[in-house]
Every structure is written in structure tokens, then in C-alpha cells.
Amino acid sequence: MDGNISQVFYNNQVRSRILKFNVDETKDYYNAIKLFDDIAMKFKIEHKLESGDLVFFDNNRAMHGRKGYTATNLNSRRLYHGCYVAWDEIWSKMNVIKFMKNEMQKE
């Protein structure tokens, strides 16, 4: 480790309830969280998805979220599907494909 930050896990809606800080440390903590949130929001991009749209993003590379939904009438509905894939599954599949390709080239 070189002392530089390499990764941040951040969810502004979920924080540990087991903060063992004194009053001054707690103030510093919340000031730091507020500063981080303010900086992150400066880089925010908003895009409204339309019916049938699909979006992929890497959880380890992009912060993401969604806004609330207000029904415009009694028949309004919102259908949202989420799917998570672990990177080790992708790397494993890529390794199998490379292996199979190499085996086929040997024949």
C-alpha cells in the first residue's frame, strides 16, 4: 500500500449505527461525509430511462441510484428489474473460453 485511496464503498442512505466516536470525532465524520457527498454530486449525470431501456454499470466503478417515482394516475406502474453479477463469474467464463479456444487451436 502506498497510502493512496484505492477504493471507496459509499451509500449515503446506509451507515453503521455502531460509531464509537467522541463528539468532536462525530462532527468531523459527518463533515467529511457531507464534503464527499457534495463532491460526488458535482459529477452526477441524470438520465431518465424510457420503457424498454436497459442500463449496465460496474458497481465498483460508478456510483448509481434512482429517484423516486410519482404515479400520474391509478393505472401508473413502475417495473424495475435488477441483476447483480460478481466479477469472478465473468473472469471465470472468460478463462474457460480462452482455454477452449487454445484447445481448439491445438487440434
PDB file of N, CA and C in Angstrom:
ATOM      1  N   MET A   1       0.840  -1.184   0.000  1.00  0.00           N
ATOM      2  CA  MET A   1       0.000   0.000   0.000  1.00  0.00           C
ATOM      3  C   MET A   1       0.885   1.246   0.000  1.00  0.00           C
ATOM      4  N   ASP A   2       0.468   2.205  -0.809  1.00  0.00           N
ATOM      5  CA  ASP A   2       1.259   3.422  -0.919  1.00  0.00           C
ATOM      6  C   ASP A   2       0.622   4.605  -0.191  1.00  0.00           C
ATOM      7  N   GLY A   3      -0.441   4.352   0.547  1.00  0.00           N
ATOM      8  CA  GLY A   3      -1.091   5.420   1.299  1.00  0.00           C
ATOM      9  C   GLY A   3      -2.177   6.151   0.521  1.00  0.00           C
ATOM     10  N   ASN A   4      -2.334   5.818  -0.753  1.00  0.00           N
ATOM     11  CA  ASN A   4      -3.385   6.438  -1.562  1.00  0.00           C
ATOM     12  C   ASN A   4      -4.676   5.634  -1.442  1.00  0.00           C
ATOM     13  N   ILE A   5      -5.788   6.326  -1.600  1.00  0.00           N
ATOM     14  CA  ILE A   5      -7.087   5.652  -1.568  1.00  0.00           C
ATOM     15  C   ILE A   5      -7.243   4.876  -2.866  1.00  0.00           C
ATOM     16  N   SER A   6      -7.598   3.598  -2.753  1.00  0.00           N
ATOM     17  CA  SER A   6      -7.766   2.791  -3.955  1.00  0.00           C
ATOM     18  C   SER A   6      -9.232   2.451  -4.221  1.00  0.00           C
ATOM     19  N   GLN A   7     -10.076   2.515  -3.200  1.00  0.00           N
ATOM     20  CA  GLN A   7     -11.471   2.155  -3.390  1.00  0.00           C
ATOM     21  C   GLN A   7     -12.311   2.747  -2.273  1.00  0.00           C
ATOM     22  N   VAL A   8     -13.516   3.159  -2.610  1.00  0.00           N
ATOM     23  CA  VAL A   8     -14.449   3.717  -1.627  1.00  0.00           C
ATOM     24  C   VAL A   8     -15.775   2.991  -1.777  1.00  0.00           C
ATOM     25  N   PHE A   9     -16.326   2.532  -0.670  1.00  0.00           N
ATOM     26  CA  PHE A   9     -17.669   1.952  -0.650  1.00  0.00           C
ATOM     27  C   PHE A   9     -18.555   2.967   0.063  1.00  0.00           C
ATOM     28  N   TYR A  10     -19.541   3.481  -0.633  1.00  0.00           N
ATOM     29  CA  TYR A  10     -20.325   4.589  -0.105  1.00  0.00           C
ATOM     30  C   TYR A  10     -21.797   4.388  -0.409  1.00  0.00           C
ATOM     31  N   ASN A  11     -22.613   4.505   0.601  1.00  0.00           N
ATOM     32  CA  ASN A  11     -24.059   4.502   0.439  1.00  0.00           C
ATOM     33  C   ASN A  11     -24.591   5.561   1.387  1.00  0.00           C
ATOM     34  N   ASN A  12     -25.053   6.664   0.828  1.00  0.00           N
ATOM     35  CA  ASN A  12     -25.479   7.777   1.682  1.00  0.00           C
ATOM     36  C   ASN A  12     -26.768   7.491   2.449  1.00  0.00           C
ATOM     37  N   GLN A  13     -27.417   6.367   2.167  1.00  0.00           N
ATOM     38  CA  GLN A  13     -28.640   6.017   2.884  1.00  0.00           C
ATOM     39  C   GLN A  13     -28.398   5.008   4.009  1.00  0.00           C
ATOM     40  N   VAL A  14     -27.250   4.366   4.011  1.00  0.00           N
ATOM     41  CA  VAL A  14     -26.985   3.319   4.990  1.00  0.00           C
ATOM     42  C   VAL A  14     -25.635   3.602   5.662  1.00  0.00           C
ATOM     43  N   ARG A  15     -25.694   3.763   6.945  1.00  0.00           N
ATOM     44  CA  ARG A  15     -24.466   3.974   7.707  1.00  0.00           C
ATOM     45  C   ARG A  15     -24.510   3.108   8.954  1.00  0.00           C
ATOM     46  N   SER A  16     -23.352   2.734   9.407  1.00  0.00           N
ATOM     47  CA  SER A  16     -23.283   1.912  10.612  1.00  0.00           C
ATOM     48  C   SER A  16     -23.836   2.677  11.807  1.00  0.00           C
ATOM     49  N   ARG A  17     -24.555   1.972  12.633  1.00  0.00           N
ATOM     50  CA  ARG A  17     -25.066   2.595  13.864  1.00  0.00           C
ATOM     51  C   ARG A  17     -24.089   2.413  15.009  1.00  0.00           C
ATOM     52  N   ILE A  18     -22.990   1.754  14.722  1.00  0.00           N
ATOM     53  CA  ILE A  18     -22.008   1.468  15.773  1.00  0.00           C
ATOM     54  C   ILE A  18     -20.803   2.386  15.604  1.00  0.00           C
ATOM     55  N   LEU A  19     -21.052   3.677  15.641  1.00  0.00           N
ATOM     56  CA  LEU A  19     -19.963   4.640  15.555  1.00  0.00           C
ATOM     57  C   LEU A  19     -19.478   4.918  16.971  1.00  0.00           C
ATOM     58  N   LYS A  20     -18.223   4.634  17.222  1.00  0.00           N
ATOM     59  CA  LYS A  20     -17.683   4.821  18.573  1.00  0.00           C
ATOM     60  C   LYS A  20     -16.774   6.048  18.604  1.00  0.00           C
ATOM     61  N   PHE A  21     -17.339   7.177  18.189  1.00  0.00           N
ATOM     62  CA  PHE A  21     -16.582   8.418  18.172  1.00  0.00           C
ATOM     63  C   PHE A  21     -17.005   9.280  19.349  1.00  0.00           C
ATOM     64  N   ASN A  22     -16.086  10.147  19.763  1.00  0.00           N
ATOM     65  CA  ASN A  22     -16.499  11.169  20.723  1.00  0.00           C
ATOM     66  C   ASN A  22     -17.202  12.280  19.942  1.00  0.00           C
ATOM     67  N   VAL A  23     -17.664  13.304  20.623  1.00  0.00           N
ATOM     68  CA  VAL A  23     -18.460  14.350  19.979  1.00  0.00           C
ATOM     69  C   VAL A  23     -17.683  15.029  18.855  1.00  0.00           C
ATOM     70  N   ASP A  24     -16.423  15.378  19.099  1.00  0.00           N
ATOM     71  CA  ASP A  24     -15.635  16.067  18.072  1.00  0.00           C
ATOM     72  C   ASP A  24     -15.386  15.168  16.870  1.00  0.00           C
ATOM     73  N   GLU A  25     -15.066  13.900  17.115  1.00  0.00           N
ATOM     74  CA  GLU A  25     -14.845  12.962  16.005  1.00  0.00           C
ATOM     75  C   GLU A  25     -16.125  12.742  15.209  1.00  0.00           C
ATOM     76  N   THR A  26     -17.258  12.721  15.901  1.00  0.00           N
ATOM     77  CA  THR A  26     -18.534  12.543  15.222  1.00  0.00           C
ATOM     78  C   THR A  26     -18.811  13.735  14.310  1.00  0.00           C
ATOM     79  N   LYS A  27     -18.550  14.938  14.797  1.00  0.00           N
ATOM     80  CA  LYS A  27     -18.724  16.132  13.958  1.00  0.00           C
ATOM     81  C   LYS A  27     -17.807  16.061  12.743  1.00  0.00           C
ATOM     82  N   ASP A  28     -16.542  15.683  12.947  1.00  0.00           N
ATOM     83  CA  ASP A  28     -15.597  15.552  11.832  1.00  0.00           C
ATOM     84  C   ASP A  28     -16.073  14.507  10.831  1.00  0.00           C
ATOM     85  N   TYR A  29     -16.580  13.392  11.342  1.00  0.00           N
ATOM     86  CA  TYR A  29     -17.081  12.313  10.479  1.00  0.00           C
ATOM     87  C   TYR A  29     -18.209  12.821   9.590  1.00  0.00           C
ATOM     88  N   TYR A  30     -19.205  13.471  10.188  1.00  0.00           N
ATOM     89  CA  TYR A  30     -20.340  13.955   9.403  1.00  0.00           C
ATOM     90  C   TYR A  30     -19.945  15.091   8.465  1.00  0.00           C
ATOM     91  N   ASN A  31     -18.995  15.915   8.844  1.00  0.00           N
ATOM     92  CA  ASN A  31     -18.490  16.949   7.933  1.00  0.00           C
ATOM     93  C   ASN A  31     -17.793  16.307   6.734  1.00  0.00           C
ATOM     94  N   ALA A  32     -17.028  15.247   6.979  1.00  0.00           N
ATOM     95  CA  ALA A  32     -16.335  14.545   5.893  1.00  0.00           C
ATOM     96  C   ALA A  32     -17.337  13.875   4.958  1.00  0.00           C
ATOM     97  N   ILE A  33     -18.346  13.232   5.521  1.00  0.00           N
ATOM     98  CA  ILE A  33     -19.380  12.593   4.704  1.00  0.00           C
ATOM     99  C   ILE A  33     -20.096  13.640   3.851  1.00  0.00           C
ATOM    100  N   LYS A  34     -20.424  14.767   4.438  1.00  0.00           N
ATOM    101  CA  LYS A  34     -21.091  15.848   3.697  1.00  0.00           C
ATOM    102  C   LYS A  34     -20.200  16.355   2.576  1.00  0.00           C
ATOM    103  N   LEU A  35     -18.912  16.549   2.837  1.00  0.00           N
ATOM    104  CA  LEU A  35     -17.983  17.008   1.813  1.00  0.00           C
ATOM    105  C   LEU A  35     -17.890  15.995   0.670  1.00  0.00           C
ATOM    106  N   PHE A  36     -17.766  14.712   1.019  1.00  0.00           N
ATOM    107  CA  PHE A  36     -17.696  13.672  -0.004  1.00  0.00           C
ATOM    108  C   PHE A  36     -18.959  13.673  -0.854  1.00  0.00           C
ATOM    109  N   ASP A  37     -20.107  13.763  -0.210  1.00  0.00           N
ATOM    110  CA  ASP A  37     -21.377  13.774  -0.925  1.00  0.00           C
ATOM    111  C   ASP A  37     -21.472  14.991  -1.852  1.00  0.00           C
ATOM    112  N   ASP A  38     -21.062  16.152  -1.372  1.00  0.00           N
ATOM    113  CA  ASP A  38     -21.091  17.374  -2.192  1.00  0.00           C
ATOM    114  C   ASP A  38     -20.195  17.221  -3.420  1.00  0.00           C
ATOM    115  N   ILE A  39     -18.998  16.666  -3.240  1.00  0.00           N
ATOM    116  CA  ILE A  39     -18.074  16.465  -4.368  1.00  0.00           C
ATOM    117  C   ILE A  39     -18.664  15.464  -5.355  1.00  0.00           C
ATOM    118  N   ALA A  40     -19.190  14.358  -4.853  1.00  0.00           N
ATOM    119  CA  ALA A  40     -19.767  13.336  -5.733  1.00  0.00           C
ATOM    120  C   ALA A  40     -20.926  13.905  -6.544  1.00  0.00           C
ATOM    121  N   MET A  41     -21.754  14.737  -5.937  1.00  0.00           N
ATOM    122  CA  MET A  41     -22.918  15.289  -6.632  1.00  0.00           C
ATOM    123  C   MET A  41     -22.519  16.250  -7.749  1.00  0.00           C
ATOM    124  N   LYS A  42     -21.315  16.827  -7.676  1.00  0.00           N
ATOM    125  CA  LYS A  42     -20.841  17.712  -8.750  1.00  0.00           C
ATOM    126  C   LYS A  42     -20.603  16.938 -10.038  1.00  0.00           C
ATOM    127  N   PHE A  43     -20.388  15.634  -9.933  1.00  0.00           N
ATOM    128  CA  PHE A  43     -20.115  14.809 -11.104  1.00  0.00           C
ATOM    129  C   PHE A  43     -21.332  13.971 -11.520  1.00  0.00           C
ATOM    130  N   LYS A  44     -22.466  14.272 -10.948  1.00  0.00           N
ATOM    131  CA  LYS A  44     -23.684  13.500 -11.189  1.00  0.00           C
ATOM    132  C   LYS A  44     -24.193  13.707 -12.616  1.00  0.00           C
ATOM    133  N   ILE A  45     -24.605  12.617 -13.225  1.00  0.00           N
ATOM    134  CA  ILE A  45     -25.258  12.645 -14.533  1.00  0.00           C
ATOM    135  C   ILE A  45     -26.647  12.051 -14.335  1.00  0.00           C
ATOM    136  N   GLU A  46     -27.659  12.743 -14.805  1.00  0.00           N
ATOM    137  CA  GLU A  46     -29.022  12.227 -14.696  1.00  0.00           C
ATOM    138  C   GLU A  46     -29.527  11.843 -16.072  1.00  0.00           C
ATOM    139  N   HIS A  47     -30.181  10.697 -16.133  1.00  0.00           N
ATOM    140  CA  HIS A  47     -30.768  10.228 -17.388  1.00  0.00           C
ATOM    141  C   HIS A  47     -32.055   9.488 -17.057  1.00  0.00           C
ATOM    142  N   LYS A  48     -33.142   9.936 -17.626  1.00  0.00           N
ATOM    143  CA  LYS A  48     -34.419   9.267 -17.388  1.00  0.00           C
ATOM    144  C   LYS A  48     -34.561   8.109 -18.362  1.00  0.00           C
ATOM    145  N   LEU A  49     -34.736   6.918 -17.828  1.00  0.00           N
ATOM    146  CA  LEU A  49     -34.928   5.746 -18.669  1.00  0.00           C
ATOM    147  C   LEU A  49     -36.348   5.722 -19.206  1.00  0.00           C
ATOM    148  N   GLU A  50     -36.470   5.302 -20.431  1.00  0.00           N
ATOM    149  CA  GLU A  50     -37.774   5.147 -21.062  1.00  0.00           C
ATOM    150  C   GLU A  50     -38.148   3.663 -21.048  1.00  0.00           C
ATOM    151  N   SER A  51     -39.385   3.368 -21.320  1.00  0.00           N
ATOM    152  CA  SER A  51     -39.860   1.995 -21.341  1.00  0.00           C
ATOM    153  C   SER A  51     -38.986   1.153 -22.274  1.00  0.00           C
ATOM    154  N   GLY A  52     -38.497   0.024 -21.771  1.00  0.00           N
ATOM    155  CA  GLY A  52     -37.668  -0.869 -22.567  1.00  0.00           C
ATOM    156  C   GLY A  52     -36.184  -0.578 -22.488  1.00  0.00           C
ATOM    157  N   ASP A  53     -35.790   0.532 -21.869  1.00  0.00           N
ATOM    158  CA  ASP A  53     -34.370   0.856 -21.742  1.00  0.00           C
ATOM    159  C   ASP A  53     -33.677  -0.117 -20.803  1.00  0.00           C
ATOM    160  N   LEU A  54     -32.411  -0.312 -21.043  1.00  0.00           N
ATOM    161  CA  LEU A  54     -31.585  -1.198 -20.237  1.00  0.00           C
ATOM    162  C   LEU A  54     -30.295  -0.475 -19.923  1.00  0.00           C
ATOM    163  N   VAL A  55     -29.826  -0.615 -18.710  1.00  0.00           N
ATOM    164  CA  VAL A  55     -28.577   0.034 -18.330  1.00  0.00           C
ATOM    165  C   VAL A  55     -27.708  -0.963 -17.582  1.00  0.00           C
ATOM    166  N   PHE A  56     -26.430  -0.953 -17.893  1.00  0.00           N
ATOM    167  CA  PHE A  56     -25.437  -1.769 -17.199  1.00  0.00           C
ATOM    168  C   PHE A  56     -24.419  -0.831 -16.579  1.00  0.00           C
ATOM    169  N   PHE A  57     -23.960  -1.149 -15.407  1.00  0.00           N
ATOM    170  CA  PHE A  57     -22.868  -0.389 -14.820  1.00  0.00           C
ATOM    171  C   PHE A  57     -22.101  -1.277 -13.870  1.00  0.00           C
ATOM    172  N   ASP A  58     -20.861  -0.918 -13.684  1.00  0.00           N
ATOM    173  CA  ASP A  58     -19.971  -1.656 -12.793  1.00  0.00           C
ATOM    174  C   ASP A  58     -20.070  -1.021 -11.410  1.00  0.00           C
ATOM    175  N   ASN A  59     -20.586  -1.759 -10.443  1.00  0.00           N
ATOM    176  CA  ASN A  59     -20.730  -1.225  -9.086  1.00  0.00           C
ATOM    177  C   ASN A  59     -19.418  -0.734  -8.498  1.00  0.00           C
ATOM    178  N   ASN A  60     -18.313  -1.298  -8.945  1.00  0.00           N
ATOM    179  CA  ASN A  60     -17.015  -0.891  -8.402  1.00  0.00           C
ATOM    180  C   ASN A  60     -16.435   0.305  -9.127  1.00  0.00           C
ATOM    181  N   ARG A  61     -17.113   0.803 -10.132  1.00  0.00           N
ATOM    182  CA  ARG A  61     -16.588   1.906 -10.911  1.00  0.00           C
ATOM    183  C   ARG A  61     -17.509   3.129 -10.938  1.00  0.00           C
ATOM    184  N   ALA A  62     -18.772   2.956 -10.604  1.00  0.00           N
ATOM    185  CA  ALA A  62     -19.715   4.064 -10.716  1.00  0.00           C
ATOM    186  C   ALA A  62     -20.690   4.051  -9.553  1.00  0.00           C
ATOM    187  N   MET A  63     -20.893   5.230  -8.981  1.00  0.00           N
ATOM    188  CA  MET A  63     -21.977   5.333  -8.002  1.00  0.00           C
ATOM    189  C   MET A  63     -23.257   5.490  -8.811  1.00  0.00           C
ATOM    190  N   HIS A  64     -24.305   4.907  -8.333  1.00  0.00           N
ATOM    191  CA  HIS A  64     -25.552   4.946  -9.080  1.00  0.00           C
ATOM    192  C   HIS A  64     -26.720   4.963  -8.122  1.00  0.00           C
ATOM    193  N   GLY A  65     -27.837   5.357  -8.638  1.00  0.00           N
ATOM    194  CA  GLY A  65     -29.041   5.387  -7.820  1.00  0.00           C
ATOM    195  C   GLY A  65     -30.221   5.742  -8.687  1.00  0.00           C
ATOM    196  N   ARG A  66     -31.334   5.930  -8.058  1.00  0.00           N
ATOM    197  CA  ARG A  66     -32.526   6.321  -8.798  1.00  0.00           C
ATOM    198  C   ARG A  66     -33.367   7.242  -7.923  1.00  0.00           C
ATOM    199  N   LYS A  67     -34.161   8.045  -8.586  1.00  0.00           N
ATOM    200  CA  LYS A  67     -35.039   8.973  -7.893  1.00  0.00           C
ATOM    201  C   LYS A  67     -36.366   8.297  -7.589  1.00  0.00           C
ATOM    202  N   GLY A  68     -37.152   8.965  -6.819  1.00  0.00           N
ATOM    203  CA  GLY A  68     -38.480   8.455  -6.502  1.00  0.00           C
ATOM    204  C   GLY A  68     -39.380   8.473  -7.719  1.00  0.00           C
ATOM    205  N   TYR A  69     -40.499   7.837  -7.579  1.00  0.00           N
ATOM    206  CA  TYR A  69     -41.472   7.714  -8.671  1.00  0.00           C
ATOM    207  C   TYR A  69     -42.817   8.207  -8.167  1.00  0.00           C
ATOM    208  N   THR A  70     -43.451   9.076  -8.951  1.00  0.00           N
ATOM    209  CA  THR A  70     -44.775   9.571  -8.603  1.00  0.00           C
ATOM    210  C   THR A  70     -45.760   9.084  -9.659  1.00  0.00           C
ATOM    211  N   ALA A  71     -46.751   8.327  -9.220  1.00  0.00           N
ATOM    212  CA  ALA A  71     -47.770   7.822 -10.149  1.00  0.00           C
ATOM    213  C   ALA A  71     -48.586   8.989 -10.672  1.00  0.00           C
ATOM    214  N   THR A  72     -48.831   8.991 -11.974  1.00  0.00           N
ATOM    215  CA  THR A  72     -49.613  10.081 -12.573  1.00  0.00           C
ATOM    216  C   THR A  72     -51.106   9.774 -12.580  1.00  0.00           C
ATOM    217  N   ASN A  73     -51.447   8.491 -12.451  1.00  0.00           N
ATOM    218  CA  ASN A  73     -52.854   8.111 -12.344  1.00  0.00           C
ATOM    219  C   ASN A  73     -52.923   6.742 -11.666  1.00  0.00           C
ATOM    220  N   LEU A  74     -54.112   6.247 -11.445  1.00  0.00           N
ATOM    221  CA  LEU A  74     -54.271   4.981 -10.729  1.00  0.00           C
ATOM    222  C   LEU A  74     -53.704   3.783 -11.492  1.00  0.00           C
ATOM    223  N   ASN A  75     -53.575   3.898 -12.805  1.00  0.00           N
ATOM    224  CA  ASN A  75     -53.059   2.798 -13.611  1.00  0.00           C
ATOM    225  C   ASN A  75     -51.546   2.875 -13.820  1.00  0.00           C
ATOM    226  N   SER A  76     -50.899   3.906 -13.301  1.00  0.00           N
ATOM    227  CA  SER A  76     -49.450   4.033 -13.457  1.00  0.00           C
ATOM    228  C   SER A  76     -48.744   2.920 -12.705  1.00  0.00           C
ATOM    229  N   ARG A  77     -47.693   2.409 -13.296  1.00  0.00           N
ATOM    230  CA  ARG A  77     -46.906   1.410 -12.601  1.00  0.00           C
ATOM    231  C   ARG A  77     -45.463   1.546 -13.036  1.00  0.00           C
ATOM    232  N   ARG A  78     -44.601   1.050 -12.214  1.00  0.00           N
ATOM    233  CA  ARG A  78     -43.172   1.094 -12.488  1.00  0.00           C
ATOM    234  C   ARG A  78     -42.637  -0.310 -12.277  1.00  0.00           C
ATOM    235  N   LEU A  79     -42.007  -0.851 -13.289  1.00  0.00           N
ATOM    236  CA  LEU A  79     -41.429  -2.177 -13.194  1.00  0.00           C
ATOM    237  C   LEU A  79     -39.926  -2.039 -13.316  1.00  0.00           C
ATOM    238  N   TYR A  80     -39.234  -2.470 -12.303  1.00  0.00           N
ATOM    239  CA  TYR A  80     -37.778  -2.319 -12.249  1.00  0.00           C
ATOM    240  C   TYR A  80     -37.173  -3.672 -11.918  1.00  0.00           C
ATOM    241  N   HIS A  81     -36.309  -4.145 -12.778  1.00  0.00           N
ATOM    242  CA  HIS A  81     -35.615  -5.407 -12.536  1.00  0.00           C
ATOM    243  C   HIS A  81     -34.145  -5.108 -12.302  1.00  0.00           C
ATOM    244  N   GLY A  82     -33.564  -5.745 -11.318  1.00  0.00           N
ATOM    245  CA  GLY A  82     -32.142  -5.600 -11.067  1.00  0.00           C
ATOM    246  C   GLY A  82     -31.459  -6.948 -11.136  1.00  0.00           C
ATOM    247  N   CYS A  83     -30.219  -6.924 -11.514  1.00  0.00           N
ATOM    248  CA  CYS A  83     -29.449  -8.157 -11.614  1.00  0.00           C
ATOM    249  C   CYS A  83     -28.016  -7.847 -11.217  1.00  0.00           C
ATOM    250  N   TYR A  84     -27.427  -8.679 -10.401  1.00  0.00           N
ATOM    251  CA  TYR A  84     -26.050  -8.484  -9.978  1.00  0.00           C
ATOM    252  C   TYR A  84     -25.225  -9.677 -10.420  1.00  0.00           C
ATOM    253  N   VAL A  85     -24.080  -9.403 -10.967  1.00  0.00           N
ATOM    254  CA  VAL A  85     -23.158 -10.449 -11.391  1.00  0.00           C
ATOM    255  C   VAL A  85     -21.814 -10.163 -10.739  1.00  0.00           C
ATOM    256  N   ALA A  86     -21.246 -11.160 -10.114  1.00  0.00           N
ATOM    257  CA  ALA A  86     -19.929 -10.996  -9.484  1.00  0.00           C
ATOM    258  C   ALA A  86     -18.849 -11.078 -10.563  1.00  0.00           C
ATOM    259  N   TRP A  87     -17.824 -10.255 -10.419  1.00  0.00           N
ATOM    260  CA  TRP A  87     -16.745 -10.248 -11.408  1.00  0.00           C
ATOM    261  C   TRP A  87     -16.075 -11.611 -11.531  1.00  0.00           C
ATOM    262  N   ASP A  88     -16.001 -12.378 -10.451  1.00  0.00           N
ATOM    263  CA  ASP A  88     -15.336 -13.681 -10.560  1.00  0.00           C
ATOM    264  C   ASP A  88     -16.078 -14.602 -11.525  1.00  0.00           C
ATOM    265  N   GLU A  89     -17.390 -14.441 -11.657  1.00  0.00           N
ATOM    266  CA  GLU A  89     -18.148 -15.226 -12.633  1.00  0.00           C
ATOM    267  C   GLU A  89     -17.746 -14.845 -14.060  1.00  0.00           C
ATOM    268  N   ILE A  90     -17.585 -13.578 -14.294  1.00  0.00           N
ATOM    269  CA  ILE A  90     -17.192 -13.103 -15.626  1.00  0.00           C
ATOM    270  C   ILE A  90     -15.775 -13.554 -15.956  1.00  0.00           C
ATOM    271  N   TRP A  91     -14.845 -13.359 -15.010  1.00  0.00           N
ATOM    272  CA  TRP A  91     -13.454 -13.772 -15.252  1.00  0.00           C
ATOM    273  C   TRP A  91     -13.374 -15.281 -15.471  1.00  0.00           C
ATOM    274  N   SER A  92     -14.136 -16.044 -14.720  1.00  0.00           N
ATOM    275  CA  SER A  92     -14.129 -17.492 -14.880  1.00  0.00           C
ATOM    276  C   SER A  92     -14.612 -17.884 -16.278  1.00  0.00           C
ATOM    277  N   LYS A  93     -15.699 -17.292 -16.724  1.00  0.00           N
ATOM    278  CA  LYS A  93     -16.226 -17.593 -18.054  1.00  0.00           C
ATOM    279  C   LYS A  93     -15.215 -17.214 -19.130  1.00  0.00           C
ATOM    280  N   MET A  94     -14.558 -16.079 -18.964  1.00  0.00           N
ATOM    281  CA  MET A  94     -13.546 -15.665 -19.935  1.00  0.00           C
ATOM    282  C   MET A  94     -12.378 -16.650 -19.965  1.00  0.00           C
ATOM    283  N   ASN A  95     -11.968 -17.136 -18.799  1.00  0.00           N
ATOM    284  CA  ASN A  95     -10.872 -18.116 -18.738  1.00  0.00           C
ATOM    285  C   ASN A  95     -11.257 -19.422 -19.427  1.00  0.00           C
ATOM    286  N   VAL A  96     -12.494 -19.867 -19.233  1.00  0.00           N
ATOM    287  CA  VAL A  96     -12.969 -21.093 -19.891  1.00  0.00           C
ATOM    288  C   VAL A  96     -12.966 -20.902 -21.405  1.00  0.00           C
ATOM    289  N   ILE A  97     -13.455 -19.772 -21.866  1.00  0.00           N
ATOM    290  CA  ILE A  97     -13.490 -19.501 -23.309  1.00  0.00           C
ATOM    291  C   ILE A  97     -12.071 -19.484 -23.883  1.00  0.00           C
ATOM    292  N   LYS A  98     -11.142 -18.816 -23.186  1.00  0.00           N
ATOM    293  CA  LYS A  98      -9.748 -18.787 -23.652  1.00  0.00           C
ATOM    294  C   LYS A  98      -9.150 -20.188 -23.683  1.00  0.00           C
ATOM    295  N   PHE A  99      -9.424 -20.963 -22.661  1.00  0.00           N
ATOM    296  CA  PHE A  99      -8.908 -22.329 -22.602  1.00  0.00           C
ATOM    297  C   PHE A  99      -9.453 -23.147 -23.771  1.00  0.00           C
ATOM    298  N   MET A 100     -10.758 -23.074 -23.989  1.00  0.00           N
ATOM    299  CA  MET A 100     -11.384 -23.830 -25.067  1.00  0.00           C
ATOM    300  C   MET A 100     -10.837 -23.393 -26.427  1.00  0.00           C
ATOM    301  N   LYS A 101     -10.628 -22.111 -26.612  1.00  0.00           N
ATOM    302  CA  LYS A 101     -10.080 -21.589 -27.851  1.00  0.00           C
ATOM    303  C   LYS A 101      -8.670 -22.144 -28.085  1.00  0.00           C
ATOM    304  N   ASN A 102      -7.846 -22.156 -27.041  1.00  0.00           N
ATOM    305  CA  ASN A 102      -6.489 -22.692 -27.135  1.00  0.00           C
ATOM    306  C   ASN A 102      -6.515 -24.195 -27.439  1.00  0.00           C
ATOM    307  N   GLU A 103      -7.425 -24.915 -26.840  1.00  0.00           N
ATOM    308  CA  GLU A 103      -7.529 -26.356 -27.089  1.00  0.00           C
ATOM    309  C   GLU A 103      -7.947 -26.633 -28.541  1.00  0.00           C
ATOM    310  N   MET A 104      -8.857 -25.805 -29.044  1.00  0.00           N
ATOM    311  CA  MET A 104      -9.316 -25.984 -30.424  1.00  0.00           C
ATOM    312  C   MET A 104      -8.197 -25.673 -31.419  1.00  0.00           C
ATOM    313  N   GLN A 105      -7.348 -24.704 -31.077  1.00  0.00           N
ATOM    314  CA  GLN A 105      -6.242 -24.336 -31.962  1.00  0.00           C
ATOM    315  C   GLN A 105      -5.176 -25.440 -32.004  1.00  0.00           C
ATOM    316  N   LYS A 106      -5.068 -26.218 -30.950  1.00  0.00           N
ATOM    317  CA  LYS A 106      -4.094 -27.315 -30.904  1.00  0.00           C
ATOM    318  C   LYS A 106      -4.487 -28.451 -31.843  1.00  0.00           C
ATOM    319  N   GLU A 107      -5.783 -28.607 -32.083  1.00  0.00           N
ATOM    320  CA  GLU A 107      -6.272 -29.728 -32.900  1.00  0.00           C
ATOM    321  C   GLU A 107      -5.992 -29.551 -34.371  1.00  0.00           C
TER     322      GLU A 107
END
